[in-house]
Amino acid sequence: MLSPVTTNFLGRLRANDQAAWYELWETFGPVVQAQLTKWGKGRIGQETVRDLSQETLAALSESIDRFDPKRGVRFSTWLLSIAKHVLGDEMDRRNAQKRGGNKSAASLEEGWMVASDEPAADAQYEAAVFRAKVEAAIRMVSKESDFTDFATFRMRVLEGQSGKDVAATLGTSEPTVSRRIARVRDALRKRLRDVVSTYSFTEDETTEPDKAGLQLTTKQEDAQADALFDQAIGEIYSMQAHLREEQAKKQRE
């Protein structure tokens, strides 16, 4: 059963709430672009990837009313199917042009909304989708937190500096560094719960944080859970930063 937060977000998309669509694409757009680049295997340039990403978003907006999570498919898998459809249509069009003919666009069939035995979303893609959710939560917390608190968290957790070095840089004590990190960590756990609830349409998606070492509900002063949380957040942030850098590099080429 979908949570009220998830149902509300889906309702906003269907009501053509532009803020909801922006949130969705800010979160998952880079994942779709990376997947299109992977599928393209060098046959399409980054400008085409950007165009196809926008076409994917347009196709999604036109068919969002038909998305039914009760059919047993993740939203991220459905999004991937639409991206695959858009890319396939582009390649068909190119092949038709080479033959001197025309190729009409294939229809986006409703059957792609149901679970299928055909290979579609692999573990690598789903991991990328989860990392995008985590990055979205980090982005929210960075805007909401006290500037110094988040700067402390960024240096210590996201950049992996030692507590001693962070304290020296900020001209404060290590206990103060720990307190600031704890405030941001608590806020991030809350935001992660919100983000996971918003973008998760199947039960197994709600268990992903725990599997990744991101325990979202802990007892007070659970040092081990906090350490695992910080480590996992740091690793995910590093991978997302690398993804953003690679995409920016390709766009400049």
C-alpha atoms as a PDB file:
ATOM      1  CA  MET A   1       0.000   0.000   0.000  1.00  0.00           C
ATOM      2  CA  LEU A   2       1.356   3.416  -0.966  1.00  0.00           C
ATOM      3  CA  SER A   3       2.151   5.913   1.749  1.00  0.00           C
ATOM      4  CA  PRO A   4       0.160   9.193   1.819  1.00  0.00           C
ATOM      5  CA  VAL A   5       3.357  11.059   0.850  1.00  0.00           C
ATOM      6  CA  THR A   6       3.835   8.884  -2.254  1.00  0.00           C
ATOM      7  CA  THR A   7       0.180   9.146  -3.239  1.00  0.00           C
ATOM      8  CA  ASN A   8       0.273  12.919  -2.834  1.00  0.00           C
ATOM      9  CA  PHE A   9       3.379  13.265  -5.015  1.00  0.00           C
ATOM     10  CA  LEU A  10       1.881  11.095  -7.747  1.00  0.00           C
ATOM     11  CA  GLY A  11      -1.252  13.241  -7.554  1.00  0.00           C
ATOM     12  CA  ARG A  12       0.837  16.389  -8.016  1.00  0.00           C
ATOM     13  CA  LEU A  13       2.439  14.925 -11.139  1.00  0.00           C
ATOM     14  CA  ARG A  14      -0.943  14.015 -12.567  1.00  0.00           C
ATOM     15  CA  ALA A  15      -2.202  17.528 -11.798  1.00  0.00           C
ATOM     16  CA  ASN A  16       0.732  18.884 -13.839  1.00  0.00           C
ATOM     17  CA  ASP A  17       2.308  20.569 -10.804  1.00  0.00           C
ATOM     18  CA  GLN A  18       5.441  22.060 -12.370  1.00  0.00           C
ATOM     19  CA  ALA A  19       7.305  22.094  -9.064  1.00  0.00           C
ATOM     20  CA  ALA A  20       6.730  18.348  -8.708  1.00  0.00           C
ATOM     21  CA  TRP A  21       7.964  17.705 -12.240  1.00  0.00           C
ATOM     22  CA  TYR A  22      11.057  19.829 -11.568  1.00  0.00           C
ATOM     23  CA  GLU A  23      11.780  17.882  -8.376  1.00  0.00           C
ATOM     24  CA  LEU A  24      11.383  14.600 -10.238  1.00  0.00           C
ATOM     25  CA  TRP A  25      13.708  15.540 -13.061  1.00  0.00           C
ATOM     26  CA  GLU A  26      16.282  17.220 -10.845  1.00  0.00           C
ATOM     27  CA  THR A  27      16.498  13.936  -8.958  1.00  0.00           C
ATOM     28  CA  PHE A  28      16.350  11.344 -11.738  1.00  0.00           C
ATOM     29  CA  GLY A  29      17.336  13.273 -14.885  1.00  0.00           C
ATOM     30  CA  PRO A  30      21.076  12.559 -14.482  1.00  0.00           C
ATOM     31  CA  VAL A  31      20.353   8.834 -14.031  1.00  0.00           C
ATOM     32  CA  VAL A  32      18.323   8.738 -17.249  1.00  0.00           C
ATOM     33  CA  GLN A  33      21.012  10.651 -19.139  1.00  0.00           C
ATOM     34  CA  ALA A  34      23.686   8.253 -17.912  1.00  0.00           C
ATOM     35  CA  GLN A  35      21.563   5.277 -19.009  1.00  0.00           C
ATOM     36  CA  LEU A  36      20.923   6.760 -22.462  1.00  0.00           C
ATOM     37  CA  THR A  37      24.659   7.367 -22.868  1.00  0.00           C
ATOM     38  CA  LYS A  38      25.332   3.757 -21.871  1.00  0.00           C
ATOM     39  CA  TRP A  39      22.788   2.402 -24.327  1.00  0.00           C
ATOM     40  CA  GLY A  40      23.999   4.725 -27.083  1.00  0.00           C
ATOM     41  CA  LYS A  41      27.448   3.075 -27.063  1.00  0.00           C
ATOM     42  CA  GLY A  42      28.999   6.098 -28.751  1.00  0.00           C
ATOM     43  CA  ARG A  43      26.406   6.220 -31.528  1.00  0.00           C
ATOM     44  CA  ILE A  44      24.721   9.334 -30.143  1.00  0.00           C
ATOM     45  CA  GLY A  45      26.304  12.534 -28.885  1.00  0.00           C
ATOM     46  CA  GLN A  46      25.606  14.379 -25.664  1.00  0.00           C
ATOM     47  CA  GLU A  47      23.381  16.908 -27.392  1.00  0.00           C
ATOM     48  CA  THR A  48      21.179  14.044 -28.570  1.00  0.00           C
ATOM     49  CA  VAL A  49      21.253  12.546 -25.078  1.00  0.00           C
ATOM     50  CA  ARG A  50      19.947  15.834 -23.668  1.00  0.00           C
ATOM     51  CA  ASP A  51      17.230  15.980 -26.333  1.00  0.00           C
ATOM     52  CA  LEU A  52      16.189  12.391 -25.675  1.00  0.00           C
ATOM     53  CA  SER A  53      16.114  13.085 -21.932  1.00  0.00           C
ATOM     54  CA  GLN A  54      13.653  15.907 -22.535  1.00  0.00           C
ATOM     55  CA  GLU A  55      11.603  13.658 -24.829  1.00  0.00           C
ATOM     56  CA  THR A  56      11.557  11.045 -22.070  1.00  0.00           C
ATOM     57  CA  LEU A  57      10.189  13.618 -19.639  1.00  0.00           C
ATOM     58  CA  ALA A  58       7.573  14.707 -22.185  1.00  0.00           C
ATOM     59  CA  ALA A  59       6.514  11.102 -22.828  1.00  0.00           C
ATOM     60  CA  LEU A  60       6.320  10.507 -19.090  1.00  0.00           C
ATOM     61  CA  SER A  61       4.102  13.543 -18.551  1.00  0.00           C
ATOM     62  CA  GLU A  62       1.762  12.396 -21.331  1.00  0.00           C
ATOM     63  CA  SER A  63       1.384   8.914 -19.871  1.00  0.00           C
ATOM     64  CA  ILE A  64       1.564   9.530 -16.106  1.00  0.00           C
ATOM     65  CA  ASP A  65      -2.176   8.951 -15.756  1.00  0.00           C
ATOM     66  CA  ARG A  66      -1.646   5.350 -16.869  1.00  0.00           C
ATOM     67  CA  PHE A  67       1.017   4.544 -14.288  1.00  0.00           C
ATOM     68  CA  ASP A  68      -0.404   2.061 -11.807  1.00  0.00           C
ATOM     69  CA  PRO A  69       1.983   0.953  -9.012  1.00  0.00           C
ATOM     70  CA  LYS A  70      -0.442  -1.808  -8.070  1.00  0.00           C
ATOM     71  CA  ARG A  71       0.712  -3.717 -11.149  1.00  0.00           C
ATOM     72  CA  GLY A  72       3.965  -4.594  -9.420  1.00  0.00           C
ATOM     73  CA  VAL A  73       6.498  -2.403 -11.211  1.00  0.00           C
ATOM     74  CA  ARG A  74       8.714   0.314  -9.795  1.00  0.00           C
ATOM     75  CA  PHE A  75       8.298   3.863 -11.027  1.00  0.00           C
ATOM     76  CA  SER A  76      12.021   3.903 -11.824  1.00  0.00           C
ATOM     77  CA  THR A  77      11.600   0.794 -14.000  1.00  0.00           C
ATOM     78  CA  TRP A  78       8.708   2.387 -15.847  1.00  0.00           C
ATOM     79  CA  LEU A  79      10.784   5.540 -16.375  1.00  0.00           C
ATOM     80  CA  LEU A  80      13.564   3.385 -17.797  1.00  0.00           C
ATOM     81  CA  SER A  81      11.126   1.699 -20.195  1.00  0.00           C
ATOM     82  CA  ILE A  82      10.028   5.093 -21.485  1.00  0.00           C
ATOM     83  CA  ALA A  83      13.653   6.167 -21.997  1.00  0.00           C
ATOM     84  CA  LYS A  84      14.316   2.922 -23.861  1.00  0.00           C
ATOM     85  CA  HIS A  85      11.263   3.549 -26.043  1.00  0.00           C
ATOM     86  CA  VAL A  86      12.414   7.087 -26.850  1.00  0.00           C
ATOM     87  CA  LEU A  87      15.938   5.918 -27.738  1.00  0.00           C
ATOM     88  CA  GLY A  88      14.604   3.037 -29.840  1.00  0.00           C
ATOM     89  CA  ASP A  89      12.375   5.400 -31.767  1.00  0.00           C
ATOM     90  CA  GLU A  90      15.353   7.682 -32.440  1.00  0.00           C
ATOM     91  CA  MET A  91      17.487   4.786 -33.714  1.00  0.00           C
ATOM     92  CA  ASP A  92      14.621   3.532 -35.907  1.00  0.00           C
ATOM     93  CA  ARG A  93      14.256   7.011 -37.372  1.00  0.00           C
ATOM     94  CA  ARG A  94      17.975   7.178 -38.158  1.00  0.00           C
ATOM     95  CA  ASN A  95      17.963   3.761 -39.793  1.00  0.00           C
ATOM     96  CA  ALA A  96      14.939   4.710 -41.871  1.00  0.00           C
ATOM     97  CA  GLN A  97      16.698   7.865 -43.050  1.00  0.00           C
ATOM     98  CA  LYS A  98      19.699   5.808 -44.146  1.00  0.00           C
ATOM     99  CA  ARG A  99      17.374   3.609 -46.212  1.00  0.00           C
ATOM    100  CA  GLY A 100      15.694   6.673 -47.662  1.00  0.00           C
ATOM    101  CA  GLY A 101      12.350   5.908 -46.038  1.00  0.00           C
ATOM    102  CA  ASN A 102      10.321   7.158 -43.154  1.00  0.00           C
ATOM    103  CA  LYS A 103       9.679   5.484 -39.830  1.00  0.00           C
ATOM    104  CA  SER A 104       6.689   6.496 -37.758  1.00  0.00           C
ATOM    105  CA  ALA A 105       7.072   6.676 -33.994  1.00  0.00           C
ATOM    106  CA  ALA A 106       6.160   3.520 -32.122  1.00  0.00           C
ATOM    107  CA  SER A 107       3.403   3.739 -29.575  1.00  0.00           C
ATOM    108  CA  LEU A 108       4.213   3.721 -25.889  1.00  0.00           C
ATOM    109  CA  GLU A 109       2.354   0.593 -24.922  1.00  0.00           C
ATOM    110  CA  GLU A 110       0.618   0.255 -21.605  1.00  0.00           C
ATOM    111  CA  GLY A 111       2.056  -3.238 -21.289  1.00  0.00           C
ATOM    112  CA  TRP A 112       5.352  -1.713 -20.185  1.00  0.00           C
ATOM    113  CA  MET A 113       3.713  -0.866 -16.897  1.00  0.00           C
ATOM    114  CA  VAL A 114       3.479  -4.492 -15.801  1.00  0.00           C
ATOM    115  CA  ALA A 115       6.183  -6.735 -14.414  1.00  0.00           C
ATOM    116  CA  SER A 116       8.112  -8.529 -17.174  1.00  0.00           C
ATOM    117  CA  ASP A 117      10.593 -11.378 -17.407  1.00  0.00           C
ATOM    118  CA  GLU A 118      12.593  -9.462 -20.007  1.00  0.00           C
ATOM    119  CA  PRO A 119      15.826  -7.818 -18.828  1.00  0.00           C
ATOM    120  CA  ALA A 120      15.145  -4.165 -18.169  1.00  0.00           C
ATOM    121  CA  ALA A 121      16.321  -2.365 -15.052  1.00  0.00           C
ATOM    122  CA  ASP A 122      19.493  -4.017 -13.786  1.00  0.00           C
ATOM    123  CA  ALA A 123      20.904  -3.767 -10.285  1.00  0.00           C
ATOM    124  CA  GLN A 124      23.332  -1.069 -11.398  1.00  0.00           C
ATOM    125  CA  TYR A 125      20.499   1.148 -12.602  1.00  0.00           C
ATOM    126  CA  GLU A 126      18.410   0.633  -9.468  1.00  0.00           C
ATOM    127  CA  ALA A 127      21.451   1.422  -7.320  1.00  0.00           C
ATOM    128  CA  ALA A 128      21.896   4.653  -9.292  1.00  0.00           C
ATOM    129  CA  VAL A 129      18.233   5.522  -8.697  1.00  0.00           C
ATOM    130  CA  PHE A 130      18.656   4.981  -4.960  1.00  0.00           C
ATOM    131  CA  ARG A 131      21.793   7.137  -4.886  1.00  0.00           C
ATOM    132  CA  ALA A 132      19.820   9.862  -6.661  1.00  0.00           C
ATOM    133  CA  LYS A 133      17.248   9.767  -3.853  1.00  0.00           C
ATOM    134  CA  VAL A 134      20.006  10.126  -1.266  1.00  0.00           C
ATOM    135  CA  GLU A 135      21.549  13.015  -3.182  1.00  0.00           C
ATOM    136  CA  ALA A 136      18.153  14.739  -3.291  1.00  0.00           C
ATOM    137  CA  ALA A 137      17.893  14.471   0.499  1.00  0.00           C
ATOM    138  CA  ILE A 138      21.414  15.871   0.945  1.00  0.00           C
ATOM    139  CA  ARG A 139      20.545  18.759  -1.360  1.00  0.00           C
ATOM    140  CA  MET A 140      17.444  19.577   0.695  1.00  0.00           C
ATOM    141  CA  VAL A 141      19.326  19.463   3.996  1.00  0.00           C
ATOM    142  CA  SER A 142      22.109  21.680   2.642  1.00  0.00           C
ATOM    143  CA  LYS A 143      19.504  24.381   1.964  1.00  0.00           C
ATOM    144  CA  GLU A 144      17.716  23.983   5.286  1.00  0.00           C
ATOM    145  CA  SER A 145      20.632  23.633   7.699  1.00  0.00           C
ATOM    146  CA  ASP A 146      22.669  26.275   9.461  1.00  0.00           C
ATOM    147  CA  PHE A 147      25.532  27.213   7.128  1.00  0.00           C
ATOM    148  CA  THR A 148      28.312  26.338   9.577  1.00  0.00           C
ATOM    149  CA  ASP A 149      26.629  23.096  10.613  1.00  0.00           C
ATOM    150  CA  PHE A 150      26.392  21.851   7.035  1.00  0.00           C
ATOM    151  CA  ALA A 151      29.901  23.071   6.183  1.00  0.00           C
ATOM    152  CA  THR A 152      31.143  20.982   9.109  1.00  0.00           C
ATOM    153  CA  PHE A 153      29.170  17.960   7.911  1.00  0.00           C
ATOM    154  CA  ARG A 154      30.416  18.427   4.350  1.00  0.00           C
ATOM    155  CA  MET A 155      34.085  18.541   5.375  1.00  0.00           C
ATOM    156  CA  ARG A 156      33.888  15.683   7.880  1.00  0.00           C
ATOM    157  CA  VAL A 157      31.411  13.279   6.249  1.00  0.00           C
ATOM    158  CA  LEU A 158      31.131  14.154   2.563  1.00  0.00           C
ATOM    159  CA  GLU A 159      34.797  14.993   2.021  1.00  0.00           C
ATOM    160  CA  GLY A 160      36.217  12.570   4.587  1.00  0.00           C
ATOM    161  CA  GLN A 161      38.433  15.007   6.504  1.00  0.00           C
ATOM    162  CA  SER A 162      39.419  14.098  10.052  1.00  0.00           C
ATOM    163  CA  GLY A 163      37.578  15.637  12.975  1.00  0.00           C
ATOM    164  CA  LYS A 164      40.819  17.238  14.112  1.00  0.00           C
ATOM    165  CA  ASP A 165      41.432  18.887  10.727  1.00  0.00           C
ATOM    166  CA  VAL A 166      37.850  20.140  10.493  1.00  0.00           C
ATOM    167  CA  ALA A 167      38.055  21.619  13.974  1.00  0.00           C
ATOM    168  CA  ALA A 168      41.335  23.361  13.089  1.00  0.00           C
ATOM    169  CA  THR A 169      39.896  24.750   9.849  1.00  0.00           C
ATOM    170  CA  LEU A 170      36.821  26.127  11.583  1.00  0.00           C
ATOM    171  CA  GLY A 171      38.677  27.273  14.696  1.00  0.00           C
ATOM    172  CA  THR A 172      36.571  25.196  17.039  1.00  0.00           C
ATOM    173  CA  SER A 173      36.792  22.052  19.148  1.00  0.00           C
ATOM    174  CA  GLU A 174      36.246  18.439  18.084  1.00  0.00           C
ATOM    175  CA  PRO A 175      33.243  18.034  20.443  1.00  0.00           C
ATOM    176  CA  THR A 176      31.632  21.034  18.720  1.00  0.00           C
ATOM    177  CA  VAL A 177      32.329  19.436  15.353  1.00  0.00           C
ATOM    178  CA  SER A 178      30.598  16.263  16.555  1.00  0.00           C
ATOM    179  CA  ARG A 179      27.556  18.186  17.773  1.00  0.00           C
ATOM    180  CA  ARG A 180      27.185  20.030  14.486  1.00  0.00           C
ATOM    181  CA  ILE A 181      27.503  16.796  12.538  1.00  0.00           C
ATOM    182  CA  ALA A 182      24.868  15.173  14.733  1.00  0.00           C
ATOM    183  CA  ARG A 183      22.383  17.970  14.013  1.00  0.00           C
ATOM    184  CA  VAL A 184      22.822  17.603  10.259  1.00  0.00           C
ATOM    185  CA  ARG A 185      22.754  13.800  10.474  1.00  0.00           C
ATOM    186  CA  ASP A 186      19.428  13.910  12.328  1.00  0.00           C
ATOM    187  CA  ALA A 187      17.994  16.290   9.723  1.00  0.00           C
ATOM    188  CA  LEU A 188      19.298  14.100   6.902  1.00  0.00           C
ATOM    189  CA  ARG A 189      17.732  10.972   8.361  1.00  0.00           C
ATOM    190  CA  LYS A 190      14.382  12.764   8.451  1.00  0.00           C
ATOM    191  CA  ARG A 191      14.730  14.050   4.906  1.00  0.00           C
ATOM    192  CA  LEU A 192      15.752  10.612   3.671  1.00  0.00           C
ATOM    193  CA  ARG A 193      12.601   9.151   5.173  1.00  0.00           C
ATOM    194  CA  ASP A 194      10.616  11.824   3.321  1.00  0.00           C
ATOM    195  CA  VAL A 195      12.390  11.274   0.004  1.00  0.00           C
ATOM    196  CA  VAL A 196      12.156   7.488   0.176  1.00  0.00           C
ATOM    197  CA  SER A 197       8.444   7.787   0.973  1.00  0.00           C
ATOM    198  CA  THR A 198       7.909  10.232  -1.887  1.00  0.00           C
ATOM    199  CA  TYR A 199       9.651   8.292  -4.649  1.00  0.00           C
ATOM    200  CA  SER A 200       9.105   4.689  -3.532  1.00  0.00           C
ATOM    201  CA  PHE A 201       6.172   2.894  -5.119  1.00  0.00           C
ATOM    202  CA  THR A 202       6.936  -0.683  -4.062  1.00  0.00           C
ATOM    203  CA  GLU A 203       7.563  -2.237  -0.672  1.00  0.00           C
ATOM    204  CA  ASP A 204      11.105  -3.412  -1.440  1.00  0.00           C
ATOM    205  CA  GLU A 205      12.175   0.177  -2.181  1.00  0.00           C
ATOM    206  CA  THR A 206      11.412   1.175   1.400  1.00  0.00           C
ATOM    207  CA  THR A 207      14.050  -1.310   2.652  1.00  0.00           C
ATOM    208  CA  GLU A 208      16.856   0.048   0.473  1.00  0.00           C
ATOM    209  CA  PRO A 209      18.251   2.508   3.039  1.00  0.00           C
ATOM    210  CA  ASP A 210      18.854  -0.224   5.629  1.00  0.00           C
ATOM    211  CA  LYS A 211      20.488  -2.441   2.995  1.00  0.00           C
ATOM    212  CA  ALA A 212      22.817   0.435   2.114  1.00  0.00           C
ATOM    213  CA  GLY A 213      23.820   1.005   5.746  1.00  0.00           C
ATOM    214  CA  LEU A 214      21.574   4.045   6.136  1.00  0.00           C
ATOM    215  CA  GLN A 215      19.613   3.194   9.231  1.00  0.00           C
ATOM    216  CA  LEU A 216      16.952   5.893   9.384  1.00  0.00           C
ATOM    217  CA  THR A 217      15.543   5.118  12.831  1.00  0.00           C
ATOM    218  CA  THR A 218      18.007   4.656  15.680  1.00  0.00           C
ATOM    219  CA  LYS A 219      18.186   4.753  19.434  1.00  0.00           C
ATOM    220  CA  GLN A 220      19.810   7.798  20.944  1.00  0.00           C
ATOM    221  CA  GLU A 221      23.610   7.796  20.883  1.00  0.00           C
ATOM    222  CA  ASP A 222      23.970   4.702  18.683  1.00  0.00           C
ATOM    223  CA  ALA A 223      27.571   5.372  17.718  1.00  0.00           C
ATOM    224  CA  GLN A 224      27.905   2.315  15.478  1.00  0.00           C
ATOM    225  CA  ALA A 225      24.773   3.126  13.464  1.00  0.00           C
ATOM    226  CA  ASP A 226      25.886   6.761  13.149  1.00  0.00           C
ATOM    227  CA  ALA A 227      29.335   5.719  11.906  1.00  0.00           C
ATOM    228  CA  LEU A 228      27.857   3.353   9.311  1.00  0.00           C
ATOM    229  CA  PHE A 229      25.409   6.044   8.240  1.00  0.00           C
ATOM    230  CA  ASP A 230      28.173   8.626   7.783  1.00  0.00           C
ATOM    231  CA  GLN A 231      30.333   6.167   5.851  1.00  0.00           C
ATOM    232  CA  ALA A 232      27.505   5.198   3.505  1.00  0.00           C
ATOM    233  CA  ILE A 233      26.518   8.835   2.936  1.00  0.00           C
ATOM    234  CA  GLY A 234      30.123   9.756   2.152  1.00  0.00           C
ATOM    235  CA  GLU A 235      30.471   6.938  -0.384  1.00  0.00           C
ATOM    236  CA  ILE A 236      27.188   7.743  -2.107  1.00  0.00           C
ATOM    237  CA  TYR A 237      27.992  11.460  -2.234  1.00  0.00           C
ATOM    238  CA  SER A 238      31.390  10.682  -3.794  1.00  0.00           C
ATOM    239  CA  MET A 239      29.814   8.483  -6.472  1.00  0.00           C
ATOM    240  CA  GLN A 240      27.209  11.125  -7.298  1.00  0.00           C
ATOM    241  CA  ALA A 241      29.845  13.846  -7.483  1.00  0.00           C
ATOM    242  CA  HIS A 242      31.818  11.676  -9.911  1.00  0.00           C
ATOM    243  CA  LEU A 243      28.671  11.127 -12.016  1.00  0.00           C
ATOM    244  CA  ARG A 244      28.009  14.861 -12.176  1.00  0.00           C
ATOM    245  CA  GLU A 245      31.630  15.569 -13.147  1.00  0.00           C
ATOM    246  CA  GLU A 246      31.570  12.954 -15.918  1.00  0.00           C
ATOM    247  CA  GLN A 247      28.329  14.317 -17.335  1.00  0.00           C
ATOM    248  CA  ALA A 248      29.616  17.902 -17.219  1.00  0.00           C
ATOM    249  CA  LYS A 249      32.813  16.786 -18.966  1.00  0.00           C
ATOM    250  CA  LYS A 250      30.861  15.053 -21.753  1.00  0.00           C
ATOM    251  CA  GLN A 251      28.659  18.098 -22.223  1.00  0.00           C
ATOM    252  CA  ARG A 252      31.749  20.262 -22.757  1.00  0.00           C
ATOM    253  CA  GLU A 253      33.151  17.894 -25.393  1.00  0.00           C
END
